[in-house]
PDB file of N, CA and C in Angstrom:
ATOM      1  N   UNK A   1       0.880  -1.513  -0.163  1.00  0.00           N
ATOM      2  CA  UNK A   1      -0.135  -0.118   0.060  1.00  0.00           C
ATOM      3  C   UNK A   1       1.060   1.403  -0.158  1.00  0.00           C
ATOM      4  N   UNK A   2       0.724   2.383  -0.626  1.00  0.00           N
ATOM      5  CA  UNK A   2       1.183   3.268  -0.968  1.00  0.00           C
ATOM      6  C   UNK A   2       0.837   4.312   0.312  1.00  0.00           C
ATOM      7  N   UNK A   3       1.710   5.229   0.336  1.00  0.00           N
ATOM      8  CA  UNK A   3       1.214   6.190   1.668  1.00  0.00           C
ATOM      9  C   UNK A   3       0.146   7.197   1.246  1.00  0.00           C
ATOM     10  N   UNK A   4      -0.305   7.219  -0.027  1.00  0.00           N
ATOM     11  CA  UNK A   4      -1.256   8.109  -0.675  1.00  0.00           C
ATOM     12  C   UNK A   4      -2.632   7.059  -0.145  1.00  0.00           C
ATOM     13  N   UNK A   5      -2.379   5.730  -0.492  1.00  0.00           N
ATOM     14  CA  UNK A   5      -3.621   4.967  -0.311  1.00  0.00           C
ATOM     15  C   UNK A   5      -3.798   4.951   1.155  1.00  0.00           C
ATOM     16  N   UNK A   6      -2.836   4.741   2.101  1.00  0.00           N
ATOM     17  CA  UNK A   6      -2.716   4.569   3.209  1.00  0.00           C
ATOM     18  C   UNK A   6      -3.782   5.526   4.125  1.00  0.00           C
ATOM     19  N   UNK A   7      -3.217   7.019   3.438  1.00  0.00           N
ATOM     20  CA  UNK A   7      -3.970   8.240   3.850  1.00  0.00           C
ATOM     21  C   UNK A   7      -5.511   8.311   3.615  1.00  0.00           C
ATOM     22  N   UNK A   8      -5.794   7.848   2.535  1.00  0.00           N
ATOM     23  CA  UNK A   8      -7.328   7.852   2.094  1.00  0.00           C
ATOM     24  C   UNK A   8      -8.000   6.697   2.746  1.00  0.00           C
ATOM     25  N   UNK A   9      -7.465   5.483   2.922  1.00  0.00           N
ATOM     26  CA  UNK A   9      -8.197   4.329   3.775  1.00  0.00           C
ATOM     27  C   UNK A   9      -8.308   4.861   5.094  1.00  0.00           C
ATOM     28  N   UNK A  10      -7.211   5.678   5.886  1.00  0.00           N
ATOM     29  CA  UNK A  10      -7.582   5.559   7.235  1.00  0.00           C
ATOM     30  C   UNK A  10      -7.952   7.154   7.755  1.00  0.00           C
ATOM     31  N   UNK A  11      -8.035   7.900   6.520  1.00  0.00           N
ATOM     32  CA  UNK A  11      -8.819   9.095   6.978  1.00  0.00           C
ATOM     33  C   UNK A  11      -7.727  10.247   7.631  1.00  0.00           C
ATOM     34  N   UNK A  12      -6.268  10.069   7.010  1.00  0.00           N
ATOM     35  CA  UNK A  12      -4.991  11.184   7.191  1.00  0.00           C
ATOM     36  C   UNK A  12      -4.656  11.702   6.310  1.00  0.00           C
ATOM     37  N   UNK A  13      -4.104  12.823   6.765  1.00  0.00           N
ATOM     38  CA  UNK A  13      -3.526  13.685   5.763  1.00  0.00           C
ATOM     39  C   UNK A  13      -2.140  13.201   5.445  1.00  0.00           C
ATOM     40  N   UNK A  14      -1.710  13.582   4.467  1.00  0.00           N
ATOM     41  CA  UNK A  14      -0.154  13.009   4.368  1.00  0.00           C
ATOM     42  C   UNK A  14       1.129  14.110   5.335  1.00  0.00           C
ATOM     43  N   UNK A  15       0.778  14.756   6.021  1.00  0.00           N
ATOM     44  CA  UNK A  15       1.194  15.583   6.718  1.00  0.00           C
ATOM     45  C   UNK A  15       1.176  14.530   8.187  1.00  0.00           C
ATOM     46  N   UNK A  16       0.026  14.309   8.287  1.00  0.00           N
ATOM     47  CA  UNK A  16      -0.411  13.606   9.782  1.00  0.00           C
ATOM     48  C   UNK A  16       0.501  11.932   9.755  1.00  0.00           C
ATOM     49  N   UNK A  17       0.424  11.514   8.381  1.00  0.00           N
ATOM     50  CA  UNK A  17       0.998  10.141   8.248  1.00  0.00           C
ATOM     51  C   UNK A  17       2.539  10.197   8.164  1.00  0.00           C
ATOM     52  N   UNK A  18       3.042  11.403   7.575  1.00  0.00           N
ATOM     53  CA  UNK A  18       4.372  11.662   7.711  1.00  0.00           C
ATOM     54  C   UNK A  18       5.108  12.435   8.969  1.00  0.00           C
ATOM     55  N   UNK A  19       4.341  12.424   9.977  1.00  0.00           N
ATOM     56  CA  UNK A  19       4.749  13.057  11.107  1.00  0.00           C
ATOM     57  C   UNK A  19       4.700  14.607  11.266  1.00  0.00           C
ATOM     58  N   UNK A  20       4.610  15.107  10.441  1.00  0.00           N
ATOM     59  CA  UNK A  20       4.767  16.724  10.107  1.00  0.00           C
ATOM     60  C   UNK A  20       3.626  17.182  10.662  1.00  0.00           C
ATOM     61  N   UNK A  21       2.455  16.679  11.202  1.00  0.00           N
ATOM     62  CA  UNK A  21       1.162  17.238  11.703  1.00  0.00           C
ATOM     63  C   UNK A  21       1.035  16.072  12.836  1.00  0.00           C
ATOM     64  N   UNK A  22       0.758  16.446  14.109  1.00  0.00           N
ATOM     65  CA  UNK A  22       0.252  15.739  14.900  1.00  0.00           C
ATOM     66  C   UNK A  22      -1.353  15.303  14.899  1.00  0.00           C
ATOM     67  N   UNK A  23      -1.819  13.726  15.003  1.00  0.00           N
ATOM     68  CA  UNK A  23      -3.174  13.451  14.958  1.00  0.00           C
ATOM     69  C   UNK A  23      -3.698  13.839  16.732  1.00  0.00           C
ATOM     70  N   UNK A  24      -4.661  14.644  16.743  1.00  0.00           N
ATOM     71  CA  UNK A  24      -4.617  15.189  17.811  1.00  0.00           C
ATOM     72  C   UNK A  24      -5.414  14.158  19.172  1.00  0.00           C
ATOM     73  N   UNK A  25      -6.140  13.122  18.330  1.00  0.00           N
ATOM     74  CA  UNK A  25      -6.736  12.094  19.461  1.00  0.00           C
ATOM     75  C   UNK A  25      -6.251  10.495  19.526  1.00  0.00           C
ATOM     76  N   UNK A  26      -6.663   9.635  19.631  1.00  0.00           N
ATOM     77  CA  UNK A  26      -6.383   8.253  19.790  1.00  0.00           C
ATOM     78  C   UNK A  26      -6.534   7.996  18.338  1.00  0.00           C
ATOM     79  N   UNK A  27      -5.507   7.104  17.783  1.00  0.00           N
ATOM     80  CA  UNK A  27      -5.762   6.337  16.282  1.00  0.00           C
ATOM     81  C   UNK A  27      -5.764   4.765  16.595  1.00  0.00           C
ATOM     82  N   UNK A  28      -6.587   3.912  16.158  1.00  0.00           N
ATOM     83  CA  UNK A  28      -6.951   2.752  16.289  1.00  0.00           C
ATOM     84  C   UNK A  28      -6.968   2.170  14.657  1.00  0.00           C
ATOM     85  N   UNK A  29      -5.341   1.450  14.606  1.00  0.00           N
ATOM     86  CA  UNK A  29      -4.897   0.919  13.242  1.00  0.00           C
ATOM     87  C   UNK A  29      -4.804  -0.599  13.899  1.00  0.00           C
ATOM     88  N   UNK A  30      -5.392  -1.119  14.912  1.00  0.00           N
ATOM     89  CA  UNK A  30      -5.390  -2.453  15.034  1.00  0.00           C
ATOM     90  C   UNK A  30      -5.441  -3.475  14.222  1.00  0.00           C
ATOM     91  N   UNK A  31      -5.928  -3.244  13.261  1.00  0.00           N
ATOM     92  CA  UNK A  31      -5.887  -4.514  12.266  1.00  0.00           C
ATOM     93  C   UNK A  31      -5.043  -4.394  11.366  1.00  0.00           C
ATOM     94  N   UNK A  32      -3.947  -3.198  11.188  1.00  0.00           N
ATOM     95  CA  UNK A  32      -3.253  -3.217  10.328  1.00  0.00           C
ATOM     96  C   UNK A  32      -2.183  -4.083  10.306  1.00  0.00           C
ATOM     97  N   UNK A  33      -1.412  -4.873   9.561  1.00  0.00           N
ATOM     98  CA  UNK A  33      -0.293  -5.515  10.045  1.00  0.00           C
ATOM     99  C   UNK A  33       1.213  -4.880   9.256  1.00  0.00           C
ATOM    100  N   UNK A  34       1.200  -4.018   8.268  1.00  0.00           N
ATOM    101  CA  UNK A  34       2.318  -3.282   7.873  1.00  0.00           C
ATOM    102  C   UNK A  34       1.950  -2.009   7.623  1.00  0.00           C
ATOM    103  N   UNK A  35       2.797  -0.792   7.900  1.00  0.00           N
ATOM    104  CA  UNK A  35       2.907   0.572   7.589  1.00  0.00           C
ATOM    105  C   UNK A  35       3.477   0.728   6.336  1.00  0.00           C
ATOM    106  N   UNK A  36       3.090   1.538   5.409  1.00  0.00           N
ATOM    107  CA  UNK A  36       3.861   1.882   4.185  1.00  0.00           C
ATOM    108  C   UNK A  36       5.024   2.699   4.691  1.00  0.00           C
ATOM    109  N   UNK A  37       6.004   2.737   3.520  1.00  0.00           N
ATOM    110  CA  UNK A  37       7.420   3.008   3.618  1.00  0.00           C
ATOM    111  C   UNK A  37       7.214   4.650   3.897  1.00  0.00           C
ATOM    112  N   UNK A  38       7.680   5.802   4.877  1.00  0.00           N
ATOM    113  CA  UNK A  38       7.920   6.719   5.117  1.00  0.00           C
ATOM    114  C   UNK A  38       6.600   7.302   6.091  1.00  0.00           C
ATOM    115  N   UNK A  39       5.823   6.118   6.546  1.00  0.00           N
ATOM    116  CA  UNK A  39       5.124   6.297   7.466  1.00  0.00           C
ATOM    117  C   UNK A  39       5.699   6.790   8.890  1.00  0.00           C
ATOM    118  N   UNK A  40       5.444   8.198   9.386  1.00  0.00           N
ATOM    119  CA  UNK A  40       5.793   8.184  10.843  1.00  0.00           C
ATOM    120  C   UNK A  40       4.538   8.848  11.485  1.00  0.00           C
ATOM    121  N   UNK A  41       3.897   8.367  12.356  1.00  0.00           N
ATOM    122  CA  UNK A  41       2.783   8.721  13.279  1.00  0.00           C
ATOM    123  C   UNK A  41       3.037   9.160  14.650  1.00  0.00           C
ATOM    124  N   UNK A  42       2.018  10.368  15.042  1.00  0.00           N
ATOM    125  CA  UNK A  42       2.238  10.978  16.437  1.00  0.00           C
ATOM    126  C   UNK A  42       0.944  11.397  16.550  1.00  0.00           C
ATOM    127  N   UNK A  43       0.408  10.261  17.541  1.00  0.00           N
ATOM    128  CA  UNK A  43      -0.738  10.721  18.136  1.00  0.00           C
ATOM    129  C   UNK A  43      -0.758  11.014  19.376  1.00  0.00           C
ATOM    130  N   UNK A  44      -1.867  12.306  19.820  1.00  0.00           N
ATOM    131  CA  UNK A  44      -1.977  12.809  20.851  1.00  0.00           C
ATOM    132  C   UNK A  44      -2.223  11.990  22.170  1.00  0.00           C
ATOM    133  N   UNK A  45      -2.858  11.206  21.739  1.00  0.00           N
ATOM    134  CA  UNK A  45      -3.475  10.060  22.817  1.00  0.00           C
ATOM    135  C   UNK A  45      -2.938   8.741  22.516  1.00  0.00           C
ATOM    136  N   UNK A  46      -3.508   7.815  22.582  1.00  0.00           N
ATOM    137  CA  UNK A  46      -3.232   6.234  22.175  1.00  0.00           C
ATOM    138  C   UNK A  46      -3.174   5.856  20.636  1.00  0.00           C
ATOM    139  N   UNK A  47      -2.365   5.007  20.518  1.00  0.00           N
ATOM    140  CA  UNK A  47      -1.724   4.605  19.207  1.00  0.00           C
ATOM    141  C   UNK A  47      -1.965   3.262  19.289  1.00  0.00           C
ATOM    142  N   UNK A  48      -2.790   2.636  18.637  1.00  0.00           N
ATOM    143  CA  UNK A  48      -3.098   1.299  18.778  1.00  0.00           C
ATOM    144  C   UNK A  48      -2.579   0.506  17.334  1.00  0.00           C
ATOM    145  N   UNK A  49      -1.722  -0.111  17.457  1.00  0.00           N
ATOM    146  CA  UNK A  49      -0.891  -0.837  16.171  1.00  0.00           C
ATOM    147  C   UNK A  49      -0.662  -2.042  16.387  1.00  0.00           C
ATOM    148  N   UNK A  50      -1.536  -3.036  17.258  1.00  0.00           N
ATOM    149  CA  UNK A  50      -1.297  -4.143  18.149  1.00  0.00           C
ATOM    150  C   UNK A  50      -1.251  -5.431  16.931  1.00  0.00           C
ATOM    151  N   UNK A  51      -1.443  -5.069  15.801  1.00  0.00           N
ATOM    152  CA  UNK A  51      -1.576  -6.515  14.850  1.00  0.00           C
ATOM    153  C   UNK A  51      -0.129  -6.206  13.792  1.00  0.00           C
ATOM    154  N   UNK A  52       0.658  -4.957  14.128  1.00  0.00           N
ATOM    155  CA  UNK A  52       1.686  -4.586  12.861  1.00  0.00           C
ATOM    156  C   UNK A  52       2.751  -5.939  13.325  1.00  0.00           C
ATOM    157  N   UNK A  53       3.019  -6.626  12.250  1.00  0.00           N
ATOM    158  CA  UNK A  53       4.108  -7.355  12.432  1.00  0.00           C
ATOM    159  C   UNK A  53       5.606  -6.939  12.118  1.00  0.00           C
ATOM    160  N   UNK A  54       5.500  -6.041  11.070  1.00  0.00           N
ATOM    161  CA  UNK A  54       6.979  -5.383  10.851  1.00  0.00           C
ATOM    162  C   UNK A  54       6.846  -3.812  10.814  1.00  0.00           C
ATOM    163  N   UNK A  55       7.883  -3.096  11.027  1.00  0.00           N
ATOM    164  CA  UNK A  55       7.928  -1.848  10.811  1.00  0.00           C
ATOM    165  C   UNK A  55       8.857  -1.240   9.501  1.00  0.00           C
ATOM    166  N   UNK A  56       8.561  -0.057   8.705  1.00  0.00           N
ATOM    167  CA  UNK A  56       9.636   0.386   7.883  1.00  0.00           C
ATOM    168  C   UNK A  56      10.757   0.526   8.545  1.00  0.00           C
ATOM    169  N   UNK A  57      12.017   0.678   7.929  1.00  0.00           N
ATOM    170  CA  UNK A  57      13.390   1.307   8.387  1.00  0.00           C
ATOM    171  C   UNK A  57      13.179   2.430   8.693  1.00  0.00           C
ATOM    172  N   UNK A  58      13.729   3.023   9.915  1.00  0.00           N
ATOM    173  CA  UNK A  58      13.969   4.314  10.171  1.00  0.00           C
ATOM    174  C   UNK A  58      12.393   4.727  10.650  1.00  0.00           C
ATOM    175  N   UNK A  59      11.497   3.814  11.064  1.00  0.00           N
ATOM    176  CA  UNK A  59      10.366   4.388  11.343  1.00  0.00           C
ATOM    177  C   UNK A  59      10.408   5.155  13.201  1.00  0.00           C
ATOM    178  N   UNK A  60       9.632   5.934  12.917  1.00  0.00           N
ATOM    179  CA  UNK A  60       9.366   6.780  14.353  1.00  0.00           C
ATOM    180  C   UNK A  60       7.897   7.193  14.698  1.00  0.00           C
ATOM    181  N   UNK A  61       7.544   6.463  15.719  1.00  0.00           N
ATOM    182  CA  UNK A  61       5.974   6.544  16.166  1.00  0.00           C
ATOM    183  C   UNK A  61       6.026   7.267  17.679  1.00  0.00           C
ATOM    184  N   UNK A  62       4.876   8.186  17.877  1.00  0.00           N
ATOM    185  CA  UNK A  62       4.975   8.456  19.083  1.00  0.00           C
ATOM    186  C   UNK A  62       3.758   8.635  19.623  1.00  0.00           C
ATOM    187  N   UNK A  63       3.050   8.618  20.900  1.00  0.00           N
ATOM    188  CA  UNK A  63       1.954   8.524  21.352  1.00  0.00           C
ATOM    189  C   UNK A  63       1.872   8.991  22.704  1.00  0.00           C
ATOM    190  N   UNK A  64       0.888  10.378  22.957  1.00  0.00           N
ATOM    191  CA  UNK A  64       0.873  11.256  24.228  1.00  0.00           C
ATOM    192  C   UNK A  64       0.339  10.111  25.018  1.00  0.00           C
ATOM    193  N   UNK A  65      -0.362   9.012  25.005  1.00  0.00           N
ATOM    194  CA  UNK A  65      -0.775   7.925  25.832  1.00  0.00           C
ATOM    195  C   UNK A  65      -0.185   6.187  25.272  1.00  0.00           C
ATOM    196  N   UNK A  66      -0.542   5.473  25.576  1.00  0.00           N
ATOM    197  CA  UNK A  66      -0.161   4.521  25.185  1.00  0.00           C
ATOM    198  C   UNK A  66       0.158   4.016  23.790  1.00  0.00           C
ATOM    199  N   UNK A  67       1.236   3.300  23.220  1.00  0.00           N
ATOM    200  CA  UNK A  67       1.400   2.755  21.924  1.00  0.00           C
ATOM    201  C   UNK A  67       1.976   1.514  22.231  1.00  0.00           C
ATOM    202  N   UNK A  68       0.665   0.699  21.384  1.00  0.00           N
ATOM    203  CA  UNK A  68       0.427  -0.804  21.278  1.00  0.00           C
ATOM    204  C   UNK A  68       1.300  -1.180  20.219  1.00  0.00           C
ATOM    205  N   UNK A  69       2.389  -2.057  20.206  1.00  0.00           N
ATOM    206  CA  UNK A  69       2.961  -2.677  19.107  1.00  0.00           C
ATOM    207  C   UNK A  69       3.264  -4.123  19.662  1.00  0.00           C
ATOM    208  N   UNK A  70       2.227  -4.910  20.132  1.00  0.00           N
ATOM    209  CA  UNK A  70       2.081  -6.105  20.672  1.00  0.00           C
ATOM    210  C   UNK A  70       2.660  -7.152  19.648  1.00  0.00           C
ATOM    211  N   UNK A  71       2.491  -7.166  18.527  1.00  0.00           N
ATOM    212  CA  UNK A  71       2.787  -8.291  17.651  1.00  0.00           C
ATOM    213  C   UNK A  71       3.884  -8.361  17.024  1.00  0.00           C
ATOM    214  N   UNK A  72       4.950  -6.987  17.390  1.00  0.00           N
ATOM    215  CA  UNK A  72       5.882  -7.295  16.480  1.00  0.00           C
ATOM    216  C   UNK A  72       6.990  -7.910  17.038  1.00  0.00           C
ATOM    217  N   UNK A  73       7.842  -8.843  16.413  1.00  0.00           N
ATOM    218  CA  UNK A  73       8.888  -9.665  17.128  1.00  0.00           C
ATOM    219  C   UNK A  73      10.407  -8.880  16.646  1.00  0.00           C
ATOM    220  N   UNK A  74      10.258  -8.181  15.899  1.00  0.00           N
ATOM    221  CA  UNK A  74      11.387  -7.331  15.184  1.00  0.00           C
ATOM    222  C   UNK A  74      11.714  -5.818  15.190  1.00  0.00           C
ATOM    223  N   UNK A  75      12.379  -5.190  15.425  1.00  0.00           N
ATOM    224  CA  UNK A  75      12.525  -3.727  15.287  1.00  0.00           C
ATOM    225  C   UNK A  75      13.398  -3.519  13.968  1.00  0.00           C
ATOM    226  N   UNK A  76      13.293  -2.500  13.291  1.00  0.00           N
ATOM    227  CA  UNK A  76      14.423  -1.944  12.400  1.00  0.00           C
ATOM    228  C   UNK A  76      15.614  -0.927  12.973  1.00  0.00           C
ATOM    229  N   UNK A  77      16.524  -1.159  12.338  1.00  0.00           N
ATOM    230  CA  UNK A  77      17.607  -0.188  13.013  1.00  0.00           C
ATOM    231  C   UNK A  77      16.972   1.133  13.111  1.00  0.00           C
ATOM    232  N   UNK A  78      17.610   2.074  13.572  1.00  0.00           N
ATOM    233  CA  UNK A  78      17.262   3.340  13.826  1.00  0.00           C
ATOM    234  C   UNK A  78      15.733   3.592  14.423  1.00  0.00           C
ATOM    235  N   UNK A  79      15.071   2.359  14.671  1.00  0.00           N
ATOM    236  CA  UNK A  79      13.857   3.018  15.394  1.00  0.00           C
ATOM    237  C   UNK A  79      13.738   3.770  16.175  1.00  0.00           C
ATOM    238  N   UNK A  80      12.695   4.750  16.265  1.00  0.00           N
ATOM    239  CA  UNK A  80      12.175   5.723  17.499  1.00  0.00           C
ATOM    240  C   UNK A  80      11.037   5.554  18.040  1.00  0.00           C
ATOM    241  N   UNK A  81      10.491   4.807  19.224  1.00  0.00           N
ATOM    242  CA  UNK A  81       9.452   4.673  19.545  1.00  0.00           C
ATOM    243  C   UNK A  81       9.091   5.256  20.986  1.00  0.00           C
ATOM    244  N   UNK A  82       8.189   6.290  21.152  1.00  0.00           N
ATOM    245  CA  UNK A  82       7.975   7.084  22.720  1.00  0.00           C
ATOM    246  C   UNK A  82       6.830   6.691  22.788  1.00  0.00           C
ATOM    247  N   UNK A  83       6.325   6.831  23.967  1.00  0.00           N
ATOM    248  CA  UNK A  83       4.968   6.802  24.797  1.00  0.00           C
ATOM    249  C   UNK A  83       4.659   7.579  25.810  1.00  0.00           C
ATOM    250  N   UNK A  84       4.045   8.558  25.885  1.00  0.00           N
ATOM    251  CA  UNK A  84       3.652   9.164  27.424  1.00  0.00           C
ATOM    252  C   UNK A  84       3.092   8.339  28.406  1.00  0.00           C
ATOM    253  N   UNK A  85       2.561   7.259  28.094  1.00  0.00           N
ATOM    254  CA  UNK A  85       2.188   6.224  28.752  1.00  0.00           C
ATOM    255  C   UNK A  85       2.642   4.630  28.704  1.00  0.00           C
ATOM    256  N   UNK A  86       2.013   3.940  28.548  1.00  0.00           N
ATOM    257  CA  UNK A  86       2.641   2.668  28.530  1.00  0.00           C
ATOM    258  C   UNK A  86       3.176   2.362  26.813  1.00  0.00           C
ATOM    259  N   UNK A  87       4.312   1.575  26.837  1.00  0.00           N
ATOM    260  CA  UNK A  87       4.780   1.159  25.119  1.00  0.00           C
ATOM    261  C   UNK A  87       4.706  -0.471  25.318  1.00  0.00           C
ATOM    262  N   UNK A  88       3.611  -1.082  24.587  1.00  0.00           N
ATOM    263  CA  UNK A  88       3.635  -2.772  24.523  1.00  0.00           C
ATOM    264  C   UNK A  88       4.150  -3.183  23.327  1.00  0.00           C
ATOM    265  N   UNK A  89       5.644  -3.780  23.660  1.00  0.00           N
ATOM    266  CA  UNK A  89       6.350  -4.619  22.958  1.00  0.00           C
ATOM    267  C   UNK A  89       6.293  -5.940  23.244  1.00  0.00           C
ATOM    268  N   UNK A  90       5.279  -6.642  23.276  1.00  0.00           N
ATOM    269  CA  UNK A  90       5.325  -8.020  24.077  1.00  0.00           C
ATOM    270  C   UNK A  90       5.796  -9.124  23.581  1.00  0.00           C
ATOM    271  N   UNK A  91       5.871  -9.022  22.081  1.00  0.00           N
ATOM    272  CA  UNK A  91       6.445 -10.055  21.270  1.00  0.00           C
ATOM    273  C   UNK A  91       7.670  -9.970  20.890  1.00  0.00           C
ATOM    274  N   UNK A  92       8.592  -8.873  21.073  1.00  0.00           N
ATOM    275  CA  UNK A  92       9.644  -8.282  20.408  1.00  0.00           C
ATOM    276  C   UNK A  92      10.679  -9.259  21.211  1.00  0.00           C
ATOM    277  N   UNK A  93      11.873 -10.189  20.538  1.00  0.00           N
ATOM    278  CA  UNK A  93      12.721 -10.711  20.908  1.00  0.00           C
ATOM    279  C   UNK A  93      14.047 -10.163  21.150  1.00  0.00           C
ATOM    280  N   UNK A  94      14.371  -9.779  19.969  1.00  0.00           N
ATOM    281  CA  UNK A  94      15.534  -8.527  20.277  1.00  0.00           C
ATOM    282  C   UNK A  94      15.489  -6.873  19.853  1.00  0.00           C
ATOM    283  N   UNK A  95      16.378  -6.081  20.443  1.00  0.00           N
ATOM    284  CA  UNK A  95      16.095  -5.034  20.305  1.00  0.00           C
ATOM    285  C   UNK A  95      17.782  -4.671  19.263  1.00  0.00           C
ATOM    286  N   UNK A  96      17.243  -3.511  18.252  1.00  0.00           N
ATOM    287  CA  UNK A  96      18.731  -3.577  17.446  1.00  0.00           C
ATOM    288  C   UNK A  96      19.115  -2.436  17.725  1.00  0.00           C
ATOM    289  N   UNK A  97      20.865  -2.339  17.456  1.00  0.00           N
ATOM    290  CA  UNK A  97      21.246  -1.231  17.870  1.00  0.00           C
ATOM    291  C   UNK A  97      20.992  -0.091  17.536  1.00  0.00           C
ATOM    292  N   UNK A  98      20.916   0.918  18.434  1.00  0.00           N
ATOM    293  CA  UNK A  98      20.522   2.644  17.651  1.00  0.00           C
ATOM    294  C   UNK A  98      18.755   2.339  17.986  1.00  0.00           C
ATOM    295  N   UNK A  99      18.122   1.689  18.477  1.00  0.00           N
ATOM    296  CA  UNK A  99      16.705   1.540  18.795  1.00  0.00           C
ATOM    297  C   UNK A  99      16.716   2.441  19.905  1.00  0.00           C
ATOM    298  N   UNK A 100      15.922   3.257  19.774  1.00  0.00           N
ATOM    299  CA  UNK A 100      15.315   4.597  21.122  1.00  0.00           C
ATOM    300  C   UNK A 100      13.867   4.047  21.517  1.00  0.00           C
ATOM    301  N   UNK A 101      13.857   3.664  22.674  1.00  0.00           N
ATOM    302  CA  UNK A 101      12.255   3.170  23.427  1.00  0.00           C
ATOM    303  C   UNK A 101      12.279   4.147  24.657  1.00  0.00           C
ATOM    304  N   UNK A 102      11.243   4.927  24.648  1.00  0.00           N
ATOM    305  CA  UNK A 102      11.033   5.739  25.836  1.00  0.00           C
ATOM    306  C   UNK A 102       9.421   5.370  26.201  1.00  0.00           C
ATOM    307  N   UNK A 103       9.064   5.517  27.429  1.00  0.00           N
ATOM    308  CA  UNK A 103       7.531   5.248  28.057  1.00  0.00           C
ATOM    309  C   UNK A 103       7.753   6.205  29.370  1.00  0.00           C
ATOM    310  N   UNK A 104       6.684   6.713  29.460  1.00  0.00           N
ATOM    311  CA  UNK A 104       6.304   7.613  30.461  1.00  0.00           C
ATOM    312  C   UNK A 104       5.763   6.757  31.600  1.00  0.00           C
ATOM    313  N   UNK A 105       5.238   5.465  31.192  1.00  0.00           N
ATOM    314  CA  UNK A 105       4.512   4.348  31.803  1.00  0.00           C
ATOM    315  C   UNK A 105       5.351   3.068  31.814  1.00  0.00           C
ATOM    316  N   UNK A 106       4.499   2.120  31.980  1.00  0.00           N
ATOM    317  CA  UNK A 106       5.174   0.838  31.953  1.00  0.00           C
ATOM    318  C   UNK A 106       5.964   0.538  30.222  1.00  0.00           C
ATOM    319  N   UNK A 107       6.847  -0.233  30.514  1.00  0.00           N
ATOM    320  CA  UNK A 107       7.613  -0.558  29.274  1.00  0.00           C
ATOM    321  C   UNK A 107       7.250  -2.399  29.291  1.00  0.00           C
ATOM    322  N   UNK A 108       6.738  -2.770  28.165  1.00  0.00           N
ATOM    323  CA  UNK A 108       6.164  -4.121  28.333  1.00  0.00           C
ATOM    324  C   UNK A 108       7.226  -5.054  27.423  1.00  0.00           C
ATOM    325  N   UNK A 109       8.309  -5.859  27.697  1.00  0.00           N
ATOM    326  CA  UNK A 109       9.236  -6.661  26.751  1.00  0.00           C
ATOM    327  C   UNK A 109       9.161  -8.040  27.288  1.00  0.00           C
ATOM    328  N   UNK A 110       8.208  -8.628  27.568  1.00  0.00           N
ATOM    329  CA  UNK A 110       8.009  -9.575  27.930  1.00  0.00           C
ATOM    330  C   UNK A 110       8.494 -10.816  27.484  1.00  0.00           C
ATOM    331  N   UNK A 111       8.795 -11.091  26.005  1.00  0.00           N
ATOM    332  CA  UNK A 111       9.660 -11.780  25.276  1.00  0.00           C
ATOM    333  C   UNK A 111      11.206 -11.643  24.928  1.00  0.00           C
ATOM    334  N   UNK A 112      11.152 -10.710  25.315  1.00  0.00           N
ATOM    335  CA  UNK A 112      12.678  -9.981  24.880  1.00  0.00           C
ATOM    336  C   UNK A 112      13.912 -11.255  25.311  1.00  0.00           C
ATOM    337  N   UNK A 113      14.732 -11.579  24.502  1.00  0.00           N
ATOM    338  CA  UNK A 113      15.907 -12.721  24.757  1.00  0.00           C
ATOM    339  C   UNK A 113      17.345 -12.053  25.054  1.00  0.00           C
ATOM    340  N   UNK A 114      17.395 -11.188  23.886  1.00  0.00           N
ATOM    341  CA  UNK A 114      18.703 -10.478  24.027  1.00  0.00           C
ATOM    342  C   UNK A 114      18.587  -8.863  23.695  1.00  0.00           C
TER     343      UNK A 114
END
């Protein structure tokens, strides 16, 4: 799916999908399994991406509330994830070098082995 198709399907502007403009409220994309290249999301409240299995390289995601990435098993290098509340990475098994994680609440890494 292209970034333009992604925006059309989920009612976002290009500015919101590329992180140039914040999404004011929560964003529920819990059925989505991949994000298009160039996608950088920033939600004022919670961001639910609980079915995502992969992230594009260099991806940056932030949420003022919780950030749910429960189905991810790996993260790309250079990934930046930030949550004002809890950060859910329950299926993640490894952390790549250069990965930056930030959580104002709990950080869930229950499957991490290395």
